Amino acid sequence: MESPYRALVGPMVTYLDVLELTRAPGSDVPTTIVVIPEYVARHWWERLLYNQSARRLRAALVGRGHTVTADVPYRRSEQIGPSPERA
């Protein structure tokens, strides 16, 4: 999926529309699962900065037939740089 200018929602919805239109006639409509990674913020102010794209994508896909969204939370580690080798 190409995404010019870091656009996410428009190309994703277009891609899902194309998938739905290209299915074989008479076949069952498949359920599409969209996995959305979501950064777990450590501070209140980080919530204002992160996950805005995920929020917009989720809002665009809510109510769409045969499409399920799965949020996968993740947290960055505090360590920066290569990890020390274990003895």
PDB file of N, CA and C in Angstrom:
ATOM      1  N   MET A   1       0.845  -1.159   0.000  1.00  0.00           N
ATOM      2  CA  MET A   1       0.000   0.000   0.000  1.00  0.00           C
ATOM      3  C   MET A   1       0.899   1.233   0.000  1.00  0.00           C
ATOM      4  N   GLU A   2       0.765   2.072  -1.000  1.00  0.00           N
ATOM      5  CA  GLU A   2       1.543   3.302  -1.048  1.00  0.00           C
ATOM      6  C   GLU A   2       0.831   4.378  -0.244  1.00  0.00           C
ATOM      7  N   SER A   3       1.633   5.221   0.399  1.00  0.00           N
ATOM      8  CA  SER A   3       1.065   6.264   1.227  1.00  0.00           C
ATOM      9  C   SER A   3       1.864   7.550   1.058  1.00  0.00           C
ATOM     10  N   PRO A   4       1.499   8.383   0.078  1.00  0.00           N
ATOM     11  CA  PRO A   4       2.250   9.621  -0.123  1.00  0.00           C
ATOM     12  C   PRO A   4       2.012  10.606   1.009  1.00  0.00           C
ATOM     13  N   TYR A   5       3.049  11.330   1.349  1.00  0.00           N
ATOM     14  CA  TYR A   5       2.973  12.374   2.370  1.00  0.00           C
ATOM     15  C   TYR A   5       2.510  11.860   3.723  1.00  0.00           C
ATOM     16  N   ARG A   6       2.874  10.658   4.064  1.00  0.00           N
ATOM     17  CA  ARG A   6       2.553  10.033   5.348  1.00  0.00           C
ATOM     18  C   ARG A   6       1.058   9.918   5.613  1.00  0.00           C
ATOM     19  N   ALA A   7       0.247   9.957   4.560  1.00  0.00           N
ATOM     20  CA  ALA A   7      -1.198   9.767   4.715  1.00  0.00           C
ATOM     21  C   ALA A   7      -1.438   8.306   5.078  1.00  0.00           C
ATOM     22  N   LEU A   8      -2.366   8.067   5.981  1.00  0.00           N
ATOM     23  CA  LEU A   8      -2.619   6.702   6.419  1.00  0.00           C
ATOM     24  C   LEU A   8      -4.072   6.297   6.220  1.00  0.00           C
ATOM     25  N   VAL A   9      -4.991   7.124   6.675  1.00  0.00           N
ATOM     26  CA  VAL A   9      -6.399   6.745   6.686  1.00  0.00           C
ATOM     27  C   VAL A   9      -6.950   6.583   5.270  1.00  0.00           C
ATOM     28  N   GLY A  10      -6.730   7.560   4.410  1.00  0.00           N
ATOM     29  CA  GLY A  10      -7.260   7.492   3.043  1.00  0.00           C
ATOM     30  C   GLY A  10      -6.771   6.287   2.267  1.00  0.00           C
ATOM     31  N   PRO A  11      -5.443   6.070   2.193  1.00  0.00           N
ATOM     32  CA  PRO A  11      -4.962   4.886   1.468  1.00  0.00           C
ATOM     33  C   PRO A  11      -5.429   3.559   2.081  1.00  0.00           C
ATOM     34  N   MET A  12      -5.559   3.505   3.406  1.00  0.00           N
ATOM     35  CA  MET A  12      -6.011   2.257   4.043  1.00  0.00           C
ATOM     36  C   MET A  12      -7.466   1.968   3.694  1.00  0.00           C
ATOM     37  N   VAL A  13      -8.328   2.973   3.762  1.00  0.00           N
ATOM     38  CA  VAL A  13      -9.738   2.780   3.425  1.00  0.00           C
ATOM     39  C   VAL A  13      -9.881   2.427   1.947  1.00  0.00           C
ATOM     40  N   THR A  14      -9.107   3.069   1.093  1.00  0.00           N
ATOM     41  CA  THR A  14      -9.129   2.752  -0.339  1.00  0.00           C
ATOM     42  C   THR A  14      -8.697   1.313  -0.582  1.00  0.00           C
ATOM     43  N   TYR A  15      -7.644   0.879   0.111  1.00  0.00           N
ATOM     44  CA  TYR A  15      -7.161  -0.493  -0.036  1.00  0.00           C
ATOM     45  C   TYR A  15      -8.236  -1.498   0.394  1.00  0.00           C
ATOM     46  N   LEU A  16      -8.918  -1.223   1.499  1.00  0.00           N
ATOM     47  CA  LEU A  16      -9.980  -2.125   1.957  1.00  0.00           C
ATOM     48  C   LEU A  16     -11.148  -2.139   0.977  1.00  0.00           C
ATOM     49  N   ASP A  17     -11.454  -0.984   0.375  1.00  0.00           N
ATOM     50  CA  ASP A  17     -12.509  -0.937  -0.638  1.00  0.00           C
ATOM     51  C   ASP A  17     -12.148  -1.783  -1.858  1.00  0.00           C
ATOM     52  N   VAL A  18     -10.890  -1.685  -2.302  1.00  0.00           N
ATOM     53  CA  VAL A  18     -10.428  -2.474  -3.451  1.00  0.00           C
ATOM     54  C   VAL A  18     -10.478  -3.961  -3.124  1.00  0.00           C
ATOM     55  N   LEU A  19     -10.076  -4.338  -1.920  1.00  0.00           N
ATOM     56  CA  LEU A  19     -10.162  -5.754  -1.524  1.00  0.00           C
ATOM     57  C   LEU A  19     -11.588  -6.262  -1.594  1.00  0.00           C
ATOM     58  N   GLU A  20     -12.517  -5.444  -1.148  1.00  0.00           N
ATOM     59  CA  GLU A  20     -13.922  -5.850  -1.151  1.00  0.00           C
ATOM     60  C   GLU A  20     -14.469  -5.966  -2.576  1.00  0.00           C
ATOM     61  N   LEU A  21     -14.052  -5.064  -3.461  1.00  0.00           N
ATOM     62  CA  LEU A  21     -14.551  -5.081  -4.836  1.00  0.00           C
ATOM     63  C   LEU A  21     -13.934  -6.188  -5.689  1.00  0.00           C
ATOM     64  N   THR A  22     -12.737  -6.655  -5.343  1.00  0.00           N
ATOM     65  CA  THR A  22     -12.055  -7.644  -6.176  1.00  0.00           C
ATOM     66  C   THR A  22     -12.318  -9.085  -5.763  1.00  0.00           C
ATOM     67  N   ARG A  23     -13.161  -9.284  -4.774  1.00  0.00           N
ATOM     68  CA  ARG A  23     -13.441 -10.679  -4.390  1.00  0.00           C
ATOM     69  C   ARG A  23     -14.277 -11.340  -5.479  1.00  0.00           C
ATOM     70  N   ALA A  24     -14.179 -12.653  -5.552  1.00  0.00           N
ATOM     71  CA  ALA A  24     -14.888 -13.408  -6.588  1.00  0.00           C
ATOM     72  C   ALA A  24     -16.397 -13.354  -6.340  1.00  0.00           C
ATOM     73  N   PRO A  25     -17.185 -13.168  -7.401  1.00  0.00           N
ATOM     74  CA  PRO A  25     -18.647 -13.142  -7.242  1.00  0.00           C
ATOM     75  C   PRO A  25     -19.158 -14.470  -6.696  1.00  0.00           C
ATOM     76  N   GLY A  26     -20.081 -14.389  -5.783  1.00  0.00           N
ATOM     77  CA  GLY A  26     -20.656 -15.599  -5.205  1.00  0.00           C
ATOM     78  C   GLY A  26     -19.871 -16.168  -4.035  1.00  0.00           C
ATOM     79  N   SER A  27     -18.694 -15.634  -3.772  1.00  0.00           N
ATOM     80  CA  SER A  27     -17.907 -16.129  -2.643  1.00  0.00           C
ATOM     81  C   SER A  27     -18.319 -15.406  -1.367  1.00  0.00           C
ATOM     82  N   ASP A  28     -18.001 -16.019  -0.243  1.00  0.00           N
ATOM     83  CA  ASP A  28     -18.304 -15.397   1.039  1.00  0.00           C
ATOM     84  C   ASP A  28     -17.450 -14.146   1.220  1.00  0.00           C
ATOM     85  N   VAL A  29     -18.017 -13.172   1.915  1.00  0.00           N
ATOM     86  CA  VAL A  29     -17.274 -11.943   2.180  1.00  0.00           C
ATOM     87  C   VAL A  29     -16.314 -12.222   3.334  1.00  0.00           C
ATOM     88  N   PRO A  30     -15.009 -12.070   3.095  1.00  0.00           N
ATOM     89  CA  PRO A  30     -14.053 -12.350   4.173  1.00  0.00           C
ATOM     90  C   PRO A  30     -14.045 -11.233   5.212  1.00  0.00           C
ATOM     91  N   THR A  31     -13.697 -11.590   6.425  1.00  0.00           N
ATOM     92  CA  THR A  31     -13.528 -10.606   7.483  1.00  0.00           C
ATOM     93  C   THR A  31     -12.078 -10.155   7.470  1.00  0.00           C
ATOM     94  N   THR A  32     -11.861  -8.854   7.414  1.00  0.00           N
ATOM     95  CA  THR A  32     -10.521  -8.287   7.394  1.00  0.00           C
ATOM     96  C   THR A  32     -10.182  -7.782   8.781  1.00  0.00           C
ATOM     97  N   ILE A  33      -9.017  -8.154   9.276  1.00  0.00           N
ATOM     98  CA  ILE A  33      -8.557  -7.703  10.590  1.00  0.00           C
ATOM     99  C   ILE A  33      -7.445  -6.688  10.377  1.00  0.00           C
ATOM    100  N   VAL A  34      -7.627  -5.489  10.919  1.00  0.00           N
ATOM    101  CA  VAL A  34      -6.630  -4.425  10.839  1.00  0.00           C
ATOM    102  C   VAL A  34      -5.994  -4.290  12.215  1.00  0.00           C
ATOM    103  N   VAL A  35      -4.704  -4.570  12.302  1.00  0.00           N
ATOM    104  CA  VAL A  35      -3.977  -4.492  13.569  1.00  0.00           C
ATOM    105  C   VAL A  35      -3.385  -3.088  13.691  1.00  0.00           C
ATOM    106  N   ILE A  36      -3.742  -2.393  14.771  1.00  0.00           N
ATOM    107  CA  ILE A  36      -3.303  -1.023  14.986  1.00  0.00           C
ATOM    108  C   ILE A  36      -2.380  -0.977  16.204  1.00  0.00           C
ATOM    109  N   PRO A  37      -1.078  -0.751  15.988  1.00  0.00           N
ATOM    110  CA  PRO A  37      -0.179  -0.624  17.134  1.00  0.00           C
ATOM    111  C   PRO A  37      -0.442   0.697  17.847  1.00  0.00           C
ATOM    112  N   GLU A  38      -0.419   0.659  19.176  1.00  0.00           N
ATOM    113  CA  GLU A  38      -0.719   1.856  19.951  1.00  0.00           C
ATOM    114  C   GLU A  38       0.300   2.012  21.071  1.00  0.00           C
ATOM    115  N   TYR A  39       0.996   3.132  21.045  1.00  0.00           N
ATOM    116  CA  TYR A  39       2.023   3.425  22.048  1.00  0.00           C
ATOM    117  C   TYR A  39       1.357   3.725  23.390  1.00  0.00           C
ATOM    118  N   VAL A  40       1.813   3.075  24.441  1.00  0.00           N
ATOM    119  CA  VAL A  40       1.308   3.324  25.785  1.00  0.00           C
ATOM    120  C   VAL A  40       2.161   4.430  26.392  1.00  0.00           C
ATOM    121  N   ALA A  41       1.557   5.580  26.611  1.00  0.00           N
ATOM    122  CA  ALA A  41       2.285   6.745  27.108  1.00  0.00           C
ATOM    123  C   ALA A  41       2.611   6.607  28.591  1.00  0.00           C
ATOM    124  N   ARG A  42       3.787   7.085  28.969  1.00  0.00           N
ATOM    125  CA  ARG A  42       4.181   7.065  30.375  1.00  0.00           C
ATOM    126  C   ARG A  42       3.728   8.319  31.112  1.00  0.00           C
ATOM    127  N   HIS A  43       3.531   9.414  30.378  1.00  0.00           N
ATOM    128  CA  HIS A  43       3.137  10.681  30.992  1.00  0.00           C
ATOM    129  C   HIS A  43       1.880  11.205  30.306  1.00  0.00           C
ATOM    130  N   TRP A  44       1.124  12.060  31.011  1.00  0.00           N
ATOM    131  CA  TRP A  44      -0.132  12.566  30.458  1.00  0.00           C
ATOM    132  C   TRP A  44       0.101  13.369  29.183  1.00  0.00           C
ATOM    133  N   TRP A  45       1.172  14.105  29.126  1.00  0.00           N
ATOM    134  CA  TRP A  45       1.417  14.954  27.966  1.00  0.00           C
ATOM    135  C   TRP A  45       1.812  14.148  26.739  1.00  0.00           C
ATOM    136  N   GLU A  46       2.330  12.942  26.934  1.00  0.00           N
ATOM    137  CA  GLU A  46       2.660  12.092  25.790  1.00  0.00           C
ATOM    138  C   GLU A  46       1.406  11.640  25.059  1.00  0.00           C
ATOM    139  N   ARG A  47       0.295  11.526  25.772  1.00  0.00           N
ATOM    140  CA  ARG A  47      -0.956  11.113  25.139  1.00  0.00           C
ATOM    141  C   ARG A  47      -1.426  12.128  24.109  1.00  0.00           C
ATOM    142  N   LEU A  48      -1.038  13.393  24.299  1.00  0.00           N
ATOM    143  CA  LEU A  48      -1.402  14.425  23.331  1.00  0.00           C
ATOM    144  C   LEU A  48      -0.580  14.322  22.052  1.00  0.00           C
ATOM    145  N   LEU A  49       0.632  13.775  22.166  1.00  0.00           N
ATOM    146  CA  LEU A  49       1.554  13.726  21.036  1.00  0.00           C
ATOM    147  C   LEU A  49       1.460  12.447  20.215  1.00  0.00           C
ATOM    148  N   TYR A  50       1.201  11.333  20.880  1.00  0.00           N
ATOM    149  CA  TYR A  50       1.241  10.030  20.216  1.00  0.00           C
ATOM    150  C   TYR A  50      -0.158   9.505  19.928  1.00  0.00           C
ATOM    151  N   ASN A  51      -0.233   8.512  19.048  1.00  0.00           N
ATOM    152  CA  ASN A  51      -1.437   7.737  18.728  1.00  0.00           C
ATOM    153  C   ASN A  51      -2.513   8.515  17.987  1.00  0.00           C
ATOM    154  N   GLN A  52      -2.211   9.675  17.446  1.00  0.00           N
ATOM    155  CA  GLN A  52      -3.228  10.433  16.721  1.00  0.00           C
ATOM    156  C   GLN A  52      -3.613   9.728  15.423  1.00  0.00           C
ATOM    157  N   SER A  53      -2.646   9.145  14.734  1.00  0.00           N
ATOM    158  CA  SER A  53      -2.948   8.405  13.501  1.00  0.00           C
ATOM    159  C   SER A  53      -3.788   7.180  13.809  1.00  0.00           C
ATOM    160  N   ALA A  54      -3.463   6.495  14.895  1.00  0.00           N
ATOM    161  CA  ALA A  54      -4.233   5.313  15.279  1.00  0.00           C
ATOM    162  C   ALA A  54      -5.672   5.694  15.605  1.00  0.00           C
ATOM    163  N   ARG A  55      -5.850   6.807  16.259  1.00  0.00           N
ATOM    164  CA  ARG A  55      -7.192   7.279  16.603  1.00  0.00           C
ATOM    165  C   ARG A  55      -8.008   7.597  15.345  1.00  0.00           C
ATOM    166  N   ARG A  56      -7.382   8.272  14.394  1.00  0.00           N
ATOM    167  CA  ARG A  56      -8.079   8.616  13.145  1.00  0.00           C
ATOM    168  C   ARG A  56      -8.415   7.359  12.335  1.00  0.00           C
ATOM    169  N   LEU A  57      -7.484   6.421  12.282  1.00  0.00           N
ATOM    170  CA  LEU A  57      -7.730   5.182  11.541  1.00  0.00           C
ATOM    171  C   LEU A  57      -8.861   4.386  12.179  1.00  0.00           C
ATOM    172  N   ARG A  58      -8.833   4.259  13.487  1.00  0.00           N
ATOM    173  CA  ARG A  58      -9.883   3.523  14.194  1.00  0.00           C
ATOM    174  C   ARG A  58     -11.244   4.178  13.948  1.00  0.00           C
ATOM    175  N   ALA A  59     -11.308   5.516  13.996  1.00  0.00           N
ATOM    176  CA  ALA A  59     -12.571   6.224  13.770  1.00  0.00           C
ATOM    177  C   ALA A  59     -13.089   5.997  12.350  1.00  0.00           C
ATOM    178  N   ALA A  60     -12.182   5.901  11.379  1.00  0.00           N
ATOM    179  CA  ALA A  60     -12.595   5.687   9.995  1.00  0.00           C
ATOM    180  C   ALA A  60     -13.094   4.266   9.761  1.00  0.00           C
ATOM    181  N   LEU A  61     -12.623   3.308  10.552  1.00  0.00           N
ATOM    182  CA  LEU A  61     -12.986   1.907  10.327  1.00  0.00           C
ATOM    183  C   LEU A  61     -14.144   1.427  11.187  1.00  0.00           C
ATOM    184  N   VAL A  62     -14.529   2.190  12.207  1.00  0.00           N
ATOM    185  CA  VAL A  62     -15.640   1.791  13.072  1.00  0.00           C
ATOM    186  C   VAL A  62     -16.920   1.757  12.252  1.00  0.00           C
ATOM    187  N   GLY A  63     -17.652   0.678  12.364  1.00  0.00           N
ATOM    188  CA  GLY A  63     -18.914   0.540  11.653  1.00  0.00           C
ATOM    189  C   GLY A  63     -18.772  -0.001  10.243  1.00  0.00           C
ATOM    190  N   ARG A  64     -17.565  -0.211   9.789  1.00  0.00           N
ATOM    191  CA  ARG A  64     -17.341  -0.755   8.454  1.00  0.00           C
ATOM    192  C   ARG A  64     -17.643  -2.250   8.480  1.00  0.00           C
ATOM    193  N   GLY A  65     -18.458  -2.702   7.567  1.00  0.00           N
ATOM    194  CA  GLY A  65     -18.832  -4.112   7.531  1.00  0.00           C
ATOM    195  C   GLY A  65     -17.661  -5.030   7.231  1.00  0.00           C
ATOM    196  N   HIS A  66     -17.605  -6.149   7.891  1.00  0.00           N
ATOM    197  CA  HIS A  66     -16.605  -7.192   7.682  1.00  0.00           C
ATOM    198  C   HIS A  66     -15.174  -6.707   7.950  1.00  0.00           C
ATOM    199  N   THR A  67     -15.020  -5.702   8.786  1.00  0.00           N
ATOM    200  CA  THR A  67     -13.699  -5.207   9.156  1.00  0.00           C
ATOM    201  C   THR A  67     -13.613  -5.130  10.672  1.00  0.00           C
ATOM    202  N   VAL A  68     -12.581  -5.745  11.214  1.00  0.00           N
ATOM    203  CA  VAL A  68     -12.355  -5.759  12.660  1.00  0.00           C
ATOM    204  C   VAL A  68     -11.036  -5.054  12.935  1.00  0.00           C
ATOM    205  N   THR A  69     -11.023  -4.182  13.937  1.00  0.00           N
ATOM    206  CA  THR A  69      -9.766  -3.541  14.321  1.00  0.00           C
ATOM    207  C   THR A  69      -9.276  -4.154  15.624  1.00  0.00           C
ATOM    208  N   ALA A  70      -7.989  -4.396  15.693  1.00  0.00           N
ATOM    209  CA  ALA A  70      -7.367  -4.947  16.898  1.00  0.00           C
ATOM    210  C   ALA A  70      -6.268  -3.988  17.351  1.00  0.00           C
ATOM    211  N   ASP A  71      -6.418  -3.433  18.540  1.00  0.00           N
ATOM    212  CA  ASP A  71      -5.410  -2.536  19.094  1.00  0.00           C
ATOM    213  C   ASP A  71      -4.366  -3.354  19.832  1.00  0.00           C
ATOM    214  N   VAL A  72      -3.103  -3.094  19.517  1.00  0.00           N
ATOM    215  CA  VAL A  72      -2.001  -3.800  20.164  1.00  0.00           C
ATOM    216  C   VAL A  72      -1.147  -2.771  20.897  1.00  0.00           C
ATOM    217  N   PRO A  73      -1.270  -2.699  22.222  1.00  0.00           N
ATOM    218  CA  PRO A  73      -0.469  -1.717  22.964  1.00  0.00           C
ATOM    219  C   PRO A  73       0.994  -2.147  23.057  1.00  0.00           C
ATOM    220  N   TYR A  74       1.890  -1.163  23.023  1.00  0.00           N
ATOM    221  CA  TYR A  74       3.303  -1.445  23.220  1.00  0.00           C
ATOM    222  C   TYR A  74       3.920  -0.285  23.973  1.00  0.00           C
ATOM    223  N   ARG A  75       5.025  -0.544  24.631  1.00  0.00           N
ATOM    224  CA  ARG A  75       5.743   0.477  25.381  1.00  0.00           C
ATOM    225  C   ARG A  75       7.211   0.378  25.034  1.00  0.00           C
ATOM    226  N   ARG A  76       7.810   1.519  24.755  1.00  0.00           N
ATOM    227  CA  ARG A  76       9.245   1.538  24.470  1.00  0.00           C
ATOM    228  C   ARG A  76      10.005   1.337  25.765  1.00  0.00           C
ATOM    229  N   SER A  77      11.168   0.716  25.653  1.00  0.00           N
ATOM    230  CA  SER A  77      12.014   0.583  26.831  1.00  0.00           C
ATOM    231  C   SER A  77      12.753   1.888  27.053  1.00  0.00           C
ATOM    232  N   GLU A  78      13.170   2.137  28.269  1.00  0.00           N
ATOM    233  CA  GLU A  78      13.871   3.372  28.611  1.00  0.00           C
ATOM    234  C   GLU A  78      15.308   3.364  28.112  1.00  0.00           C
ATOM    235  N   GLN A  79      15.843   2.195  27.872  1.00  0.00           N
ATOM    236  CA  GLN A  79      17.245   2.072  27.483  1.00  0.00           C
ATOM    237  C   GLN A  79      17.438   2.566  26.052  1.00  0.00           C
ATOM    238  N   ILE A  80      18.432   3.403  25.841  1.00  0.00           N
ATOM    239  CA  ILE A  80      18.752   3.907  24.517  1.00  0.00           C
ATOM    240  C   ILE A  80      20.116   3.387  24.132  1.00  0.00           C
ATOM    241  N   GLY A  81      20.238   2.894  22.918  1.00  0.00           N
ATOM    242  CA  GLY A  81      21.509   2.344  22.468  1.00  0.00           C
ATOM    243  C   GLY A  81      21.503   0.837  22.546  1.00  0.00           C
ATOM    244  N   PRO A  82      22.627   0.212  22.210  1.00  0.00           N
ATOM    245  CA  PRO A  82      22.690  -1.246  22.218  1.00  0.00           C
ATOM    246  C   PRO A  82      22.624  -1.788  23.641  1.00  0.00           C
ATOM    247  N   SER A  83      22.035  -2.951  23.767  1.00  0.00           N
ATOM    248  CA  SER A  83      21.918  -3.564  25.080  1.00  0.00           C
ATOM    249  C   SER A  83      23.256  -4.156  25.497  1.00  0.00           C
ATOM    250  N   PRO A  84      23.552  -4.112  26.807  1.00  0.00           N
ATOM    251  CA  PRO A  84      24.822  -4.689  27.268  1.00  0.00           C
ATOM    252  C   PRO A  84      24.801  -6.210  27.123  1.00  0.00           C
ATOM    253  N   GLU A  85      25.934  -6.764  26.823  1.00  0.00           N
ATOM    254  CA  GLU A  85      26.012  -8.214  26.664  1.00  0.00           C
ATOM    255  C   GLU A  85      25.950  -8.881  28.029  1.00  0.00           C
ATOM    256  N   ARG A  86      25.285 -10.000  28.044  1.00  0.00           N
ATOM    257  CA  ARG A  86      25.170 -10.769  29.305  1.00  0.00           C
ATOM    258  C   ARG A  86      26.353 -11.712  29.410  1.00  0.00           C
ATOM    259  N   ALA A  87      26.848 -11.853  30.590  1.00  0.00           N
ATOM    260  CA  ALA A  87      28.019 -12.726  30.812  1.00  0.00           C
ATOM    261  C   ALA A  87      27.611 -14.151  30.962  1.00  0.00           C
TER     262      ALA A  87
END
